Amino acid sequence: MKFLENIVHKMEPKFSKGGKLEKWNPVFESFATLAFTPSIVTKKGSHIRDGVDLKRTMITVIIALLPCLLFGIYNTGHWEMVAAAGDRSLPFWADQWDKIVAGLWVVLPMIVVSYGVGLTIEFIFGIMKGHALHEGFLVSGMLIPLIMPADVPLWMVGVSTAFAVIIGKEIFGGTGMNILNVALTARAFLFFAYPTSMSGDTVWMSGKEASVDGFTGSTALGDLASFMSDKPVFENIDVYTNNYSLMDSFLGFIPGSIGETSVFAVLIGAAILIWTGVGSFRIISSFFLGGYFMGLLLNGIGGNEYLELPAYFHLVIGGFAFGAVFMATDPVTAAQTATGKWIYGFLGGLIAILIRVLNPAYPEGVFLAILFMNVMAPIIDHYVVQSNIKRRLKRLKTA
């Protein structure tokens, strides 16, 4: 590796200012610093010296996402085979290799398209502006496929990725300047531009119809939202919770967005992010608390089967856990103050369940709630800071 590193450093002058390949410096710098330590590093003085830079931070998030990705590939393959056979009773852990291959056939192209489109746009903007490429898309490029249904067309993945990178980030100045989470911007774009491709009974299993009793082809949230209509899928909420058991929902043995179904896999990622200091424990824990509180409040109101779903059930279905761990904690768009993070997370979880239950048109209210809180985060921080200033001034007058 040292041999390769020396070769890379010898090539550096050609890509530096005044070199023959100066305009390609953003591309060279990105790959060089991703693989090796930069040639110029801080060795003394007041600066913090650490082996972790933005690229390494993003890679840490990628590692935390791996359990969701790996399980999502297998789970997608399982439901592909279930839909093809029209038999929900197929054992989850049978024919593992066939399910892995089937899952890869669906998920891998989506990842390739997401990274291909997003990085190409990043390269173009980097070369046009003459600055180093931003590393934030290393995570966004993985998150976008993981929050999509299995059957979303690849061209839609590409279009939504381009929209999210250009409109959601680059027009604000690039990584660190965007006000909305990039991955959720891509999902929101598809949800409102092509709603039939983001919801319904078939999009979660590559368009295959299943016609056996007790199996609709929809997700747990889609079936749950049917209680707000005149023709609910299940007779009552008890039948629903038996069909989507708490354990199956926690482990992820249910259809849904590729990386969101397994709360167990999400919690492994959460442990990695909290242990490394990359993710905020305040936001994650308060997000769950806010969701549970709203669930309890709706249970107290009652009135229909949907409102009577146990509050803890809301935390293990849909993208609630995934949003709490990987979306709400985005360091760019989340609240920055310690107190603000508690408020931001709590309100995010509360609003997510509020939208999910009271507006059946948006059964997955998590992405809307987080985007709304992204906009409110600067206001929350502002009032937290102002409150601290007033308290200290009052203390000063008292002294």
Protein backbone atom coordinates (compact mmCIF):
# COMPACT_ATOMS: atom_id res chain seq x y z
CA MET A 1 0.00 0.00 0.00
CA LYS A 2 2.90 2.34 0.71
CA PHE A 3 4.08 1.79 -2.86
CA LEU A 4 0.70 2.83 -4.25
CA GLU A 5 0.53 5.80 -1.87
CA ASN A 6 3.90 7.06 -3.15
CA ILE A 7 2.67 6.82 -6.73
CA VAL A 8 -0.45 8.82 -5.87
CA HIS A 9 1.57 11.55 -4.13
CA LYS A 10 3.95 11.78 -7.12
CA MET A 11 0.97 12.35 -9.40
CA GLU A 12 -0.37 15.14 -7.20
CA PRO A 13 1.58 18.06 -8.82
CA LYS A 14 -0.07 17.33 -12.17
CA PHE A 15 -3.47 17.92 -10.61
CA SER A 16 -2.43 20.91 -8.48
CA LYS A 17 -2.82 24.53 -9.52
CA GLY A 18 -0.78 25.17 -12.64
CA GLY A 19 -0.53 21.48 -13.52
CA LYS A 20 -1.61 19.97 -16.82
CA LEU A 21 -4.61 18.28 -15.22
CA GLU A 22 -5.57 21.11 -12.87
CA LYS A 23 -9.28 21.06 -13.75
CA TRP A 24 -9.52 17.41 -12.71
CA ASN A 25 -8.16 18.13 -9.23
CA PRO A 26 -11.55 17.64 -7.49
CA VAL A 27 -11.79 14.10 -8.87
CA PHE A 28 -8.18 13.24 -8.04
CA GLU A 29 -8.36 14.74 -4.56
CA SER A 30 -11.53 12.83 -3.72
CA PHE A 31 -10.17 9.41 -4.66
CA ALA A 32 -6.71 10.10 -3.21
CA THR A 33 -7.91 11.25 0.21
CA LEU A 34 -10.51 8.47 0.33
CA ALA A 35 -7.82 5.80 -0.09
CA PHE A 36 -4.87 7.46 1.70
CA THR A 37 -4.07 10.10 4.31
CA PRO A 38 -3.64 13.56 2.70
CA SER A 39 -0.04 14.68 2.19
CA ILE A 40 -0.65 17.80 4.32
CA VAL A 41 -1.79 17.09 7.88
CA THR A 42 -1.77 18.99 11.16
CA LYS A 43 1.10 17.88 13.44
CA LYS A 44 1.26 20.57 16.10
CA GLY A 45 -0.45 23.68 17.38
CA SER A 46 -3.93 24.23 18.72
CA HIS A 47 -5.78 22.20 16.12
CA ILE A 48 -7.46 18.94 17.04
CA ARG A 49 -5.42 16.07 15.65
CA ASP A 50 -7.51 13.03 14.83
CA GLY A 51 -7.54 10.24 12.26
CA VAL A 52 -11.19 10.94 11.49
CA ASP A 53 -12.16 13.35 8.74
CA LEU A 54 -15.46 13.82 6.89
CA LYS A 55 -14.82 10.87 4.58
CA ARG A 56 -14.11 8.56 7.52
CA THR A 57 -17.21 9.84 9.30
CA MET A 58 -19.32 9.06 6.25
CA ILE A 59 -17.75 5.59 5.98
CA THR A 60 -18.70 4.98 9.62
CA VAL A 61 -22.32 5.68 8.70
CA ILE A 62 -22.02 3.30 5.72
CA ILE A 63 -20.76 0.59 8.08
CA ALA A 64 -23.73 1.25 10.38
CA LEU A 65 -26.04 0.87 7.37
CA LEU A 66 -24.62 -2.52 6.37
CA PRO A 67 -26.93 -4.59 8.65
CA CYS A 68 -29.96 -2.85 7.10
CA LEU A 69 -28.58 -3.31 3.59
CA LEU A 70 -27.74 -7.00 4.00
CA PHE A 71 -31.04 -7.84 5.64
CA GLY A 72 -32.88 -5.70 3.10
CA ILE A 73 -31.36 -7.67 0.22
CA TYR A 74 -32.45 -10.98 1.76
CA ASN A 75 -35.89 -9.71 2.77
CA THR A 76 -36.52 -8.29 -0.69
CA GLY A 77 -35.57 -11.64 -2.22
CA HIS A 78 -37.92 -13.44 0.17
CA TRP A 79 -40.95 -11.32 -0.72
CA GLU A 80 -40.10 -11.56 -4.40
CA MET A 81 -40.38 -15.34 -4.10
CA VAL A 82 -43.53 -15.06 -1.96
CA ALA A 83 -45.19 -12.84 -4.55
CA ALA A 84 -44.12 -15.08 -7.42
CA ALA A 85 -45.53 -18.17 -5.68
CA GLY A 86 -48.58 -16.39 -4.26
CA ASP A 87 -47.92 -18.16 -0.97
CA ARG A 88 -47.23 -16.16 2.18
CA SER A 89 -46.50 -19.34 4.15
CA LEU A 90 -43.11 -19.86 2.48
CA PRO A 91 -40.50 -20.28 5.29
CA PHE A 92 -38.45 -17.12 5.71
CA TRP A 93 -35.11 -18.88 6.08
CA ALA A 94 -35.57 -21.43 3.30
CA ASP A 95 -33.74 -21.22 -0.06
CA GLN A 96 -31.33 -18.62 1.29
CA TRP A 97 -29.07 -18.37 -1.75
CA ASP A 98 -31.98 -18.04 -4.14
CA LYS A 99 -33.38 -15.20 -2.03
CA ILE A 100 -30.01 -13.45 -1.82
CA VAL A 101 -29.65 -13.62 -5.61
CA ALA A 102 -33.23 -12.40 -6.10
CA GLY A 103 -32.64 -9.56 -3.64
CA LEU A 104 -29.36 -8.53 -5.24
CA TRP A 105 -31.05 -8.50 -8.64
CA VAL A 106 -33.43 -5.82 -7.31
CA VAL A 107 -31.26 -3.83 -4.88
CA LEU A 108 -27.84 -3.71 -6.55
CA PRO A 109 -28.99 -1.87 -9.72
CA MET A 110 -30.70 0.73 -7.55
CA ILE A 111 -27.47 1.34 -5.61
CA VAL A 112 -25.46 1.57 -8.85
CA VAL A 113 -27.90 4.09 -10.34
CA SER A 114 -28.03 6.15 -7.14
CA TYR A 115 -24.26 6.44 -6.82
CA GLY A 116 -23.71 6.76 -10.55
CA VAL A 117 -26.11 9.68 -11.00
CA GLY A 118 -25.27 11.40 -7.72
CA LEU A 119 -21.49 11.19 -8.02
CA THR A 120 -21.57 12.27 -11.67
CA ILE A 121 -23.45 15.42 -10.67
CA GLU A 122 -21.03 15.97 -7.77
CA PHE A 123 -18.07 15.64 -10.16
CA ILE A 124 -19.62 18.10 -12.62
CA PHE A 125 -20.27 20.72 -9.93
CA GLY A 126 -16.82 20.15 -8.41
CA ILE A 127 -15.07 20.68 -11.74
CA MET A 128 -17.25 23.70 -12.62
CA LYS A 129 -16.61 25.37 -9.27
CA GLY A 130 -13.03 24.19 -8.93
CA HIS A 131 -13.46 22.82 -5.41
CA ALA A 132 -12.92 19.41 -3.83
CA LEU A 133 -15.82 17.01 -4.09
CA HIS A 134 -18.12 16.79 -1.09
CA GLU A 135 -18.24 13.49 0.76
CA GLY A 136 -21.81 13.75 1.99
CA PHE A 137 -23.16 11.77 -0.95
CA LEU A 138 -21.30 8.68 0.21
CA VAL A 139 -24.13 8.24 2.72
CA SER A 140 -26.98 9.77 0.70
CA GLY A 141 -26.19 7.47 -2.22
CA MET A 142 -26.77 4.45 0.05
CA LEU A 143 -29.78 5.87 1.89
CA ILE A 144 -31.78 6.63 -1.26
CA PRO A 145 -32.14 2.98 -2.40
CA LEU A 146 -32.78 1.78 1.16
CA ILE A 147 -35.87 3.99 1.56
CA MET A 148 -37.38 3.00 -1.79
CA PRO A 149 -39.92 0.23 -2.51
CA ALA A 150 -38.54 -2.79 -4.36
CA ASP A 151 -40.29 -2.14 -7.67
CA VAL A 152 -39.55 1.54 -8.20
CA PRO A 153 -38.22 1.88 -11.79
CA LEU A 154 -34.50 2.61 -12.06
CA TRP A 155 -35.10 5.75 -14.10
CA MET A 156 -37.14 7.12 -11.20
CA VAL A 157 -34.25 6.39 -8.84
CA GLY A 158 -31.99 8.35 -11.17
CA VAL A 159 -34.37 11.28 -11.59
CA SER A 160 -35.08 11.55 -7.85
CA THR A 161 -31.35 11.35 -7.06
CA ALA A 162 -30.59 14.12 -9.54
CA PHE A 163 -33.38 16.27 -8.11
CA ALA A 164 -32.19 15.72 -4.55
CA VAL A 165 -28.54 16.53 -5.32
CA ILE A 166 -29.17 19.56 -7.53
CA ILE A 167 -32.25 21.12 -5.95
CA GLY A 168 -31.85 19.77 -2.44
CA LYS A 169 -28.14 20.42 -1.99
CA GLU A 170 -26.05 22.03 -4.73
CA ILE A 171 -28.19 25.15 -5.13
CA PHE A 172 -27.63 25.82 -1.43
CA GLY A 173 -23.86 25.52 -1.79
CA GLY A 174 -23.18 21.79 -1.44
CA THR A 175 -22.58 19.55 1.55
CA GLY A 176 -23.02 21.32 4.85
CA MET A 177 -25.24 24.04 3.37
CA ASN A 178 -28.43 22.12 2.55
CA ILE A 179 -31.47 22.70 4.75
CA LEU A 180 -33.23 19.40 3.95
CA ASN A 181 -32.03 15.82 4.21
CA VAL A 182 -30.91 14.83 0.70
CA ALA A 183 -32.20 11.24 0.76
CA LEU A 184 -35.60 12.28 2.10
CA THR A 185 -35.78 14.98 -0.55
CA ALA A 186 -35.44 12.24 -3.18
CA ARG A 187 -38.21 10.18 -1.55
CA ALA A 188 -40.49 13.22 -1.20
CA PHE A 189 -39.97 14.07 -4.87
CA LEU A 190 -41.00 10.58 -5.99
CA PHE A 191 -43.87 10.40 -3.51
CA PHE A 192 -45.54 13.54 -4.84
CA ALA A 193 -44.47 13.25 -8.49
CA TYR A 194 -45.21 9.54 -8.97
CA PRO A 195 -47.45 8.46 -6.07
CA THR A 196 -48.63 5.23 -7.70
CA SER A 197 -45.04 4.04 -7.91
CA MET A 198 -44.41 4.69 -4.22
CA SER A 199 -47.53 3.19 -2.65
CA GLY A 200 -50.10 0.52 -3.30
CA ASP A 201 -50.34 -3.26 -3.25
CA THR A 202 -47.72 -4.28 -5.81
CA VAL A 203 -44.77 -1.90 -5.77
CA TRP A 204 -43.13 -3.67 -2.86
CA MET A 205 -42.67 -6.93 -4.76
CA SER A 206 -41.74 -6.02 -8.32
CA GLY A 207 -45.30 -5.75 -9.53
CA LYS A 208 -46.26 -9.35 -8.89
CA GLU A 209 -49.81 -9.92 -7.67
CA ALA A 210 -50.47 -12.34 -4.84
CA SER A 211 -53.98 -13.71 -4.60
CA VAL A 212 -54.03 -15.90 -1.50
CA ASP A 213 -56.21 -15.13 1.51
CA GLY A 214 -54.66 -12.87 4.12
CA PHE A 215 -52.00 -11.55 1.76
CA THR A 216 -52.54 -8.25 -0.02
CA GLY A 217 -49.09 -7.49 -1.36
CA SER A 218 -49.18 -4.22 0.56
CA THR A 219 -47.08 -3.19 3.56
CA ALA A 220 -47.98 -3.21 7.22
CA LEU A 221 -48.68 0.53 7.04
CA GLY A 222 -50.76 0.18 3.89
CA ASP A 223 -52.98 -2.42 5.52
CA LEU A 224 -53.13 -0.37 8.72
CA ALA A 225 -54.28 2.73 6.86
CA SER A 226 -57.17 0.73 5.38
CA PHE A 227 -58.89 0.94 8.78
CA MET A 228 -59.61 4.58 7.94
CA SER A 229 -61.60 3.50 4.87
CA ASP A 230 -64.93 1.78 4.40
CA LYS A 231 -63.20 -1.45 3.35
CA PRO A 232 -60.48 -2.39 5.85
CA VAL A 233 -58.22 -5.26 4.83
CA PHE A 234 -58.57 -6.94 8.24
CA GLU A 235 -61.68 -7.42 10.35
CA ASN A 236 -60.25 -5.66 13.41
CA ILE A 237 -56.96 -4.52 14.93
CA ASP A 238 -56.42 -7.86 16.71
CA VAL A 239 -56.46 -9.72 13.40
CA TYR A 240 -54.02 -7.14 12.03
CA THR A 241 -51.54 -7.56 14.91
CA ASN A 242 -51.76 -11.34 14.53
CA ASN A 243 -50.96 -11.07 10.82
CA TYR A 244 -48.12 -8.62 11.47
CA SER A 245 -46.85 -9.88 14.81
CA LEU A 246 -44.73 -7.67 17.04
CA MET A 247 -41.74 -10.01 16.73
CA ASP A 248 -41.98 -10.28 12.93
CA SER A 249 -42.26 -6.50 12.71
CA PHE A 250 -39.25 -6.03 15.01
CA LEU A 251 -37.07 -8.54 13.17
CA GLY A 252 -38.26 -7.35 9.77
CA PHE A 253 -40.04 -10.39 8.37
CA ILE A 254 -42.58 -8.14 6.63
CA PRO A 255 -42.69 -6.33 3.25
CA GLY A 256 -41.62 -2.70 3.09
CA SER A 257 -38.93 -0.33 1.90
CA ILE A 258 -35.67 -2.16 1.28
CA GLY A 259 -33.70 -1.09 4.34
CA GLU A 260 -36.44 -0.05 6.76
CA THR A 261 -38.26 -3.23 7.79
CA SER A 262 -35.84 -4.66 10.40
CA VAL A 263 -35.78 -2.62 13.60
CA PHE A 264 -33.22 -5.09 14.94
CA ALA A 265 -30.81 -4.25 12.10
CA VAL A 266 -31.51 -0.53 12.59
CA LEU A 267 -30.66 -0.77 16.30
CA ILE A 268 -27.34 -2.43 15.47
CA GLY A 269 -26.59 0.57 13.28
CA ALA A 270 -27.72 2.91 16.06
CA ALA A 271 -25.32 1.25 18.50
CA ILE A 272 -22.44 1.78 16.04
CA LEU A 273 -23.31 5.44 15.47
CA ILE A 274 -23.72 6.22 19.18
CA TRP A 275 -20.57 4.30 20.20
CA THR A 276 -18.46 6.14 17.60
CA GLY A 277 -20.03 9.49 18.47
CA VAL A 278 -21.31 9.99 14.92
CA GLY A 279 -24.99 9.70 15.79
CA SER A 280 -26.80 11.71 18.46
CA PHE A 281 -28.24 9.68 21.33
CA ARG A 282 -30.40 12.69 22.27
CA ILE A 283 -32.13 12.79 18.88
CA ILE A 284 -32.58 9.03 18.54
CA SER A 285 -33.98 8.47 22.03
CA SER A 286 -36.21 11.55 22.00
CA PHE A 287 -37.58 10.61 18.56
CA PHE A 288 -38.74 7.26 19.95
CA LEU A 289 -40.13 8.96 23.05
CA GLY A 290 -42.09 11.45 20.95
CA GLY A 291 -43.56 8.71 18.78
CA TYR A 292 -44.52 6.59 21.79
CA PHE A 293 -46.09 9.58 23.55
CA MET A 294 -48.26 10.40 20.54
CA GLY A 295 -49.23 6.73 20.24
CA LEU A 296 -50.38 6.71 23.87
CA LEU A 297 -52.28 9.95 23.36
CA LEU A 298 -54.12 8.51 20.35
CA ASN A 299 -54.86 5.32 22.29
CA GLY A 300 -56.52 7.50 24.93
CA ILE A 301 -58.66 9.26 22.32
CA GLY A 302 -59.75 5.99 20.66
CA GLY A 303 -62.77 5.90 18.39
CA ASN A 304 -61.61 3.51 15.66
CA GLU A 305 -59.36 0.51 15.13
CA TYR A 306 -56.42 2.58 13.88
CA LEU A 307 -56.32 4.78 16.97
CA GLU A 308 -56.41 1.69 19.18
CA LEU A 309 -53.22 0.16 17.76
CA PRO A 310 -50.83 -0.25 20.75
CA ALA A 311 -48.44 2.70 20.91
CA TYR A 312 -45.33 0.52 20.91
CA PHE A 313 -46.44 -1.05 17.60
CA HIS A 314 -45.92 2.25 15.82
CA LEU A 315 -42.22 2.11 16.68
CA VAL A 316 -41.57 -1.17 14.86
CA ILE A 317 -43.54 -0.75 11.62
CA GLY A 318 -42.78 1.41 8.62
CA GLY A 319 -39.69 3.56 8.52
CA PHE A 320 -40.02 5.01 12.03
CA ALA A 321 -36.89 3.41 13.52
CA PHE A 322 -34.84 3.89 10.34
CA GLY A 323 -35.82 7.56 10.19
CA ALA A 324 -35.00 8.10 13.86
CA VAL A 325 -31.50 6.62 13.53
CA PHE A 326 -30.28 7.52 10.04
CA MET A 327 -32.41 10.48 8.89
CA ALA A 328 -33.26 12.61 11.91
CA THR A 329 -29.62 12.49 13.08
CA ASP A 330 -28.22 14.07 9.90
CA PRO A 331 -25.66 16.50 11.42
CA VAL A 332 -26.28 19.11 8.71
CA THR A 333 -30.05 19.40 8.89
CA ALA A 334 -30.70 18.47 12.55
CA ALA A 335 -30.65 20.78 15.56
CA GLN A 336 -27.16 21.56 16.84
CA THR A 337 -27.66 22.57 20.48
CA ALA A 338 -27.93 19.90 23.19
CA THR A 339 -31.37 21.04 24.35
CA GLY A 340 -32.45 21.63 20.79
CA LYS A 341 -31.70 18.02 19.90
CA TRP A 342 -34.11 16.78 22.58
CA ILE A 343 -36.84 19.12 21.32
CA TYR A 344 -36.11 18.37 17.65
CA GLY A 345 -36.20 14.59 18.12
CA PHE A 346 -39.28 14.56 20.35
CA LEU A 347 -41.35 16.74 18.02
CA GLY A 348 -40.16 14.74 15.00
CA GLY A 349 -41.37 11.44 16.46
CA LEU A 350 -44.61 13.01 17.70
CA ILE A 351 -45.47 14.55 14.32
CA ALA A 352 -44.54 11.34 12.45
CA ILE A 353 -47.17 9.31 14.29
CA LEU A 354 -49.68 12.16 14.13
CA ILE A 355 -49.43 12.25 10.32
CA ARG A 356 -49.41 8.46 10.06
CA VAL A 357 -52.64 8.01 12.02
CA LEU A 358 -54.74 11.06 11.24
CA ASN A 359 -53.93 11.34 7.53
CA PRO A 360 -54.30 7.92 5.84
CA ALA A 361 -53.17 9.46 2.53
CA TYR A 362 -49.68 9.52 4.06
CA PRO A 363 -49.41 6.28 6.07
CA GLU A 364 -45.65 6.72 6.25
CA GLY A 365 -45.50 10.10 7.97
CA VAL A 366 -41.88 9.79 9.06
CA PHE A 367 -40.25 11.40 6.03
CA LEU A 368 -42.68 14.33 6.08
CA ALA A 369 -42.15 14.85 9.81
CA ILE A 370 -38.35 14.85 9.50
CA LEU A 371 -38.37 17.23 6.54
CA PHE A 372 -40.63 19.57 8.50
CA MET A 373 -38.29 19.40 11.51
CA ASN A 374 -35.30 20.06 9.22
CA VAL A 375 -36.90 23.40 8.41
CA MET A 376 -37.68 24.08 12.07
CA ALA A 377 -34.24 23.07 13.41
CA PRO A 378 -32.61 26.54 13.02
CA ILE A 379 -35.59 28.14 14.80
CA ILE A 380 -35.31 25.66 17.66
CA ASP A 381 -31.59 26.34 18.04
CA HIS A 382 -32.19 30.09 17.88
CA TYR A 383 -34.63 30.06 20.79
CA VAL A 384 -32.47 27.67 22.79
CA VAL A 385 -29.48 30.00 22.39
CA GLN A 386 -31.56 33.07 23.20
CA SER A 387 -32.90 31.36 26.29
CA ASN A 388 -29.36 30.60 27.46
CA ILE A 389 -28.31 34.21 26.85
CA LYS A 390 -31.25 35.60 28.82
CA ARG A 391 -30.61 33.21 31.70
CA ARG A 392 -26.95 34.20 31.90
CA LEU A 393 -27.75 37.90 31.71
CA LYS A 394 -30.24 37.47 34.53
CA ARG A 395 -27.62 35.63 36.55
CA LEU A 396 -25.15 38.45 35.86
CA LYS A 397 -27.62 41.10 37.10
CA THR A 398 -28.29 39.07 40.23
CA ALA A 399 -24.55 38.81 40.93
